[in-house]
PDB file of N, CA and C in Angstrom:
ATOM      1  N   MET A   1      89.497  92.856  92.100  1.00  0.00           N
ATOM      2  CA  MET A   1      89.751  93.634  93.871  1.00  0.00           C
ATOM      3  C   MET A   1      88.872  94.175  94.442  1.00  0.00           C
ATOM      4  N   ALA A   2      88.267  94.483  95.672  1.00  0.00           N
ATOM      5  CA  ALA A   2      87.610  95.555  96.078  1.00  0.00           C
ATOM      6  C   ALA A   2      88.244  96.441  96.515  1.00  0.00           C
ATOM      7  N   THR A   3      87.685  97.821  96.272  1.00  0.00           N
ATOM      8  CA  THR A   3      89.000  98.949  96.325  1.00  0.00           C
ATOM      9  C   THR A   3      87.719  99.158  97.982  1.00  0.00           C
ATOM     10  N   GLU A   4      88.721 100.361  99.013  1.00  0.00           N
ATOM     11  CA  GLU A   4      88.206 100.579 100.378  1.00  0.00           C
ATOM     12  C   GLU A   4      86.757 101.346  99.890  1.00  0.00           C
ATOM     13  N   ALA A   5      86.638 102.067  99.433  1.00  0.00           N
ATOM     14  CA  ALA A   5      85.547 102.616  98.780  1.00  0.00           C
ATOM     15  C   ALA A   5      84.677 101.944  98.314  1.00  0.00           C
ATOM     16  N   ASP A   6      84.817 100.339  97.606  1.00  0.00           N
ATOM     17  CA  ASP A   6      83.475  99.651  97.423  1.00  0.00           C
ATOM     18  C   ASP A   6      83.439  98.766  99.042  1.00  0.00           C
ATOM     19  N   LEU A   7      84.474  99.029  99.881  1.00  0.00           N
ATOM     20  CA  LEU A   7      84.044  97.928 100.848  1.00  0.00           C
ATOM     21  C   LEU A   7      83.066  98.679 101.986  1.00  0.00           C
ATOM     22  N   LYS A   8      83.513 100.439 101.970  1.00  0.00           N
ATOM     23  CA  LYS A   8      82.720 101.449 102.396  1.00  0.00           C
ATOM     24  C   LYS A   8      81.268 101.218 102.134  1.00  0.00           C
ATOM     25  N   ILE A   9      80.901 101.350 101.015  1.00  0.00           N
ATOM     26  CA  ILE A   9      79.429 101.082 100.365  1.00  0.00           C
ATOM     27  C   ILE A   9      79.129  99.612 100.973  1.00  0.00           C
ATOM     28  N   LEU A  10      79.153  98.700 100.744  1.00  0.00           N
ATOM     29  CA  LEU A  10      79.076  98.045 101.078  1.00  0.00           C
ATOM     30  C   LEU A  10      79.030  97.624 102.596  1.00  0.00           C
ATOM     31  N   ARG A  11      79.785  97.842 103.327  1.00  0.00           N
ATOM     32  CA  ARG A  11      79.151  98.144 104.855  1.00  0.00           C
ATOM     33  C   ARG A  11      77.960  99.074 105.513  1.00  0.00           C
ATOM     34  N   ALA A  12      77.973 100.074 104.477  1.00  0.00           N
ATOM     35  CA  ALA A  12      76.714 100.986 104.510  1.00  0.00           C
ATOM     36  C   ALA A  12      75.317 100.131 104.267  1.00  0.00           C
ATOM     37  N   HIS A  13      75.162  99.688 102.678  1.00  0.00           N
ATOM     38  CA  HIS A  13      74.635  98.870 102.854  1.00  0.00           C
ATOM     39  C   HIS A  13      74.110  97.491 103.283  1.00  0.00           C
ATOM     40  N   TYR A  14      75.147  96.965 104.284  1.00  0.00           N
ATOM     41  CA  TYR A  14      74.986  95.347 104.363  1.00  0.00           C
ATOM     42  C   TYR A  14      75.191  95.251 105.970  1.00  0.00           C
ATOM     43  N   ASP A  15      75.849  96.254 106.124  1.00  0.00           N
ATOM     44  CA  ASP A  15      76.470  96.486 107.926  1.00  0.00           C
ATOM     45  C   ASP A  15      76.578  95.594 108.471  1.00  0.00           C
ATOM     46  N   PRO A  16      77.879  94.662 107.651  1.00  0.00           N
ATOM     47  CA  PRO A  16      78.392  93.153 108.365  1.00  0.00           C
ATOM     48  C   PRO A  16      78.877  93.317 109.586  1.00  0.00           C
ATOM     49  N   PRO A  17      78.797  92.252 110.642  1.00  0.00           N
ATOM     50  CA  PRO A  17      79.637  92.508 111.611  1.00  0.00           C
ATOM     51  C   PRO A  17      81.149  92.632 111.743  1.00  0.00           C
ATOM     52  N   PRO A  18      81.912  93.006 112.729  1.00  0.00           N
ATOM     53  CA  PRO A  18      82.979  93.583 112.971  1.00  0.00           C
ATOM     54  C   PRO A  18      84.124  92.640 112.678  1.00  0.00           C
ATOM     55  N   ASP A  19      83.539  91.026 112.776  1.00  0.00           N
ATOM     56  CA  ASP A  19      84.385  89.857 112.951  1.00  0.00           C
ATOM     57  C   ASP A  19      84.857  89.646 111.041  1.00  0.00           C
ATOM     58  N   LEU A  20      84.180  90.165 110.172  1.00  0.00           N
ATOM     59  CA  LEU A  20      83.818  90.236 108.871  1.00  0.00           C
ATOM     60  C   LEU A  20      85.782  90.716 108.272  1.00  0.00           C
ATOM     61  N   ASP A  21      85.844  91.460 108.692  1.00  0.00           N
ATOM     62  CA  ASP A  21      87.419  92.405 108.741  1.00  0.00           C
ATOM     63  C   ASP A  21      88.414  91.293 108.717  1.00  0.00           C
ATOM     64  N   ALA A  22      88.143  90.775 110.116  1.00  0.00           N
ATOM     65  CA  ALA A  22      88.839  89.746 110.623  1.00  0.00           C
ATOM     66  C   ALA A  22      89.103  88.876 110.060  1.00  0.00           C
ATOM     67  N   LEU A  23      88.417  87.948 109.183  1.00  0.00           N
ATOM     68  CA  LEU A  23      88.057  87.008 108.200  1.00  0.00           C
ATOM     69  C   LEU A  23      88.541  87.447 107.106  1.00  0.00           C
ATOM     70  N   LEU A  24      88.380  88.515 106.428  1.00  0.00           N
ATOM     71  CA  LEU A  24      88.994  88.709 104.741  1.00  0.00           C
ATOM     72  C   LEU A  24      90.420  89.120 104.763  1.00  0.00           C
ATOM     73  N   LYS A  25      91.311  89.360 106.249  1.00  0.00           N
ATOM     74  CA  LYS A  25      92.581  89.738 106.839  1.00  0.00           C
ATOM     75  C   LYS A  25      92.767  87.890 106.732  1.00  0.00           C
ATOM     76  N   GLN A  26      92.522  87.350 107.592  1.00  0.00           N
ATOM     77  CA  GLN A  26      92.599  85.857 107.632  1.00  0.00           C
ATOM     78  C   GLN A  26      93.198  84.787 106.521  1.00  0.00           C
ATOM     79  N   THR A  27      92.009  85.848 105.536  1.00  0.00           N
ATOM     80  CA  THR A  27      91.809  84.674 104.178  1.00  0.00           C
ATOM     81  C   THR A  27      92.708  85.541 103.187  1.00  0.00           C
ATOM     82  N   ARG A  28      93.219  85.917 102.982  1.00  0.00           N
ATOM     83  CA  ARG A  28      94.225  87.336 102.305  1.00  0.00           C
ATOM     84  C   ARG A  28      95.686  86.353 102.876  1.00  0.00           C
ATOM     85  N   MET A  29      96.282  86.551 104.437  1.00  0.00           N
ATOM     86  CA  MET A  29      97.360  85.881 104.649  1.00  0.00           C
ATOM     87  C   MET A  29      97.119  84.544 104.521  1.00  0.00           C
ATOM     88  N   THR A  30      96.536  83.818 104.120  1.00  0.00           N
ATOM     89  CA  THR A  30      96.383  82.346 104.035  1.00  0.00           C
ATOM     90  C   THR A  30      95.371  81.594 103.147  1.00  0.00           C
ATOM     91  N   PRO A  31      96.356  81.493 101.761  1.00  0.00           N
ATOM     92  CA  PRO A  31      95.885  81.088 100.824  1.00  0.00           C
ATOM     93  C   PRO A  31      95.480  79.795 100.549  1.00  0.00           C
ATOM     94  N   GLY A  32      94.407  79.358 100.022  1.00  0.00           N
ATOM     95  CA  GLY A  32      94.355  77.607  99.918  1.00  0.00           C
ATOM     96  C   GLY A  32      92.940  77.606 101.111  1.00  0.00           C
ATOM     97  N   THR A  33      92.484  78.916 101.575  1.00  0.00           N
ATOM     98  CA  THR A  33      91.254  78.774 103.039  1.00  0.00           C
ATOM     99  C   THR A  33      90.052  79.251 102.064  1.00  0.00           C
ATOM    100  N   PRO A  34      89.157  78.083 102.342  1.00  0.00           N
ATOM    101  CA  PRO A  34      87.851  78.021 101.340  1.00  0.00           C
ATOM    102  C   PRO A  34      87.318  79.586 100.892  1.00  0.00           C
ATOM    103  N   PRO A  35      86.854  79.890  99.961  1.00  0.00           N
ATOM    104  CA  PRO A  35      87.035  81.209  99.598  1.00  0.00           C
ATOM    105  C   PRO A  35      85.228  81.590 100.431  1.00  0.00           C
ATOM    106  N   ALA A  36      85.117  82.848 101.003  1.00  0.00           N
ATOM    107  CA  ALA A  36      83.752  83.408 101.940  1.00  0.00           C
ATOM    108  C   ALA A  36      82.888  83.779 100.935  1.00  0.00           C
ATOM    109  N   PRO A  37      81.580  83.393 101.788  1.00  0.00           N
ATOM    110  CA  PRO A  37      80.117  82.555 100.957  1.00  0.00           C
ATOM    111  C   PRO A  37      79.645  84.182  99.778  1.00  0.00           C
ATOM    112  N   PRO A  38      79.336  83.976  98.578  1.00  0.00           N
ATOM    113  CA  PRO A  38      78.842  84.833  98.112  1.00  0.00           C
ATOM    114  C   PRO A  38      78.147  86.150  98.371  1.00  0.00           C
ATOM    115  N   GLN A  39      78.721  87.488  98.411  1.00  0.00           N
ATOM    116  CA  GLN A  39      77.579  88.672  99.052  1.00  0.00           C
ATOM    117  C   GLN A  39      76.618  88.940  98.134  1.00  0.00           C
ATOM    118  N   PRO A  40      75.161  89.154  98.600  1.00  0.00           N
ATOM    119  CA  PRO A  40      73.918  89.199  97.700  1.00  0.00           C
ATOM    120  C   PRO A  40      74.125  90.489  97.020  1.00  0.00           C
ATOM    121  N   GLN A  41      74.040  90.594  95.613  1.00  0.00           N
ATOM    122  CA  GLN A  41      74.310  91.874  95.138  1.00  0.00           C
ATOM    123  C   GLN A  41      72.692  92.689  95.060  1.00  0.00           C
ATOM    124  N   PRO A  42      72.786  93.738  95.275  1.00  0.00           N
ATOM    125  CA  PRO A  42      71.722  95.005  95.077  1.00  0.00           C
ATOM    126  C   PRO A  42      71.184  94.563  93.902  1.00  0.00           C
ATOM    127  N   GLY A  43      69.709  94.087  93.907  1.00  0.00           N
ATOM    128  CA  GLY A  43      68.970  93.998  92.623  1.00  0.00           C
ATOM    129  C   GLY A  43      68.517  92.520  92.393  1.00  0.00           C
ATOM    130  N   SER A  44      69.472  91.726  92.940  1.00  0.00           N
ATOM    131  CA  SER A  44      69.514  90.117  92.163  1.00  0.00           C
ATOM    132  C   SER A  44      68.173  89.727  93.427  1.00  0.00           C
ATOM    133  N   GLY A  45      67.009  90.436  93.868  1.00  0.00           N
ATOM    134  CA  GLY A  45      65.764  89.733  94.387  1.00  0.00           C
ATOM    135  C   GLY A  45      65.258  88.929  94.124  1.00  0.00           C
ATOM    136  N   GLY A  46      65.562  88.637  92.311  1.00  0.00           N
ATOM    137  CA  GLY A  46      64.693  87.468  91.466  1.00  0.00           C
ATOM    138  C   GLY A  46      63.918  88.713  90.427  1.00  0.00           C
ATOM    139  N   PRO A  47      63.228  87.940  89.872  1.00  0.00           N
ATOM    140  CA  PRO A  47      62.335  88.773  88.349  1.00  0.00           C
ATOM    141  C   PRO A  47      61.360  89.488  89.602  1.00  0.00           C
ATOM    142  N   ARG A  48      61.046  90.599  89.336  1.00  0.00           N
ATOM    143  CA  ARG A  48      60.049  91.491  89.645  1.00  0.00           C
ATOM    144  C   ARG A  48      59.309  91.851  89.123  1.00  0.00           C
ATOM    145  N   ARG A  49      57.592  90.918  89.090  1.00  0.00           N
ATOM    146  CA  ARG A  49      56.847  91.703  87.917  1.00  0.00           C
ATOM    147  C   ARG A  49      55.484  92.013  88.671  1.00  0.00           C
TER     148      ARG A  49
END
């Protein structure tokens, strides 16, 4: 589970739309909804040569 600090870091990095919080709350309230698309991880841009 991501903590509020982690969410703040993610917001600082990716600056998602404000609707993202609403979507997260909806998915938490209603179990059974499809999971959100995976967030891009920093440094996962592929092999750099």
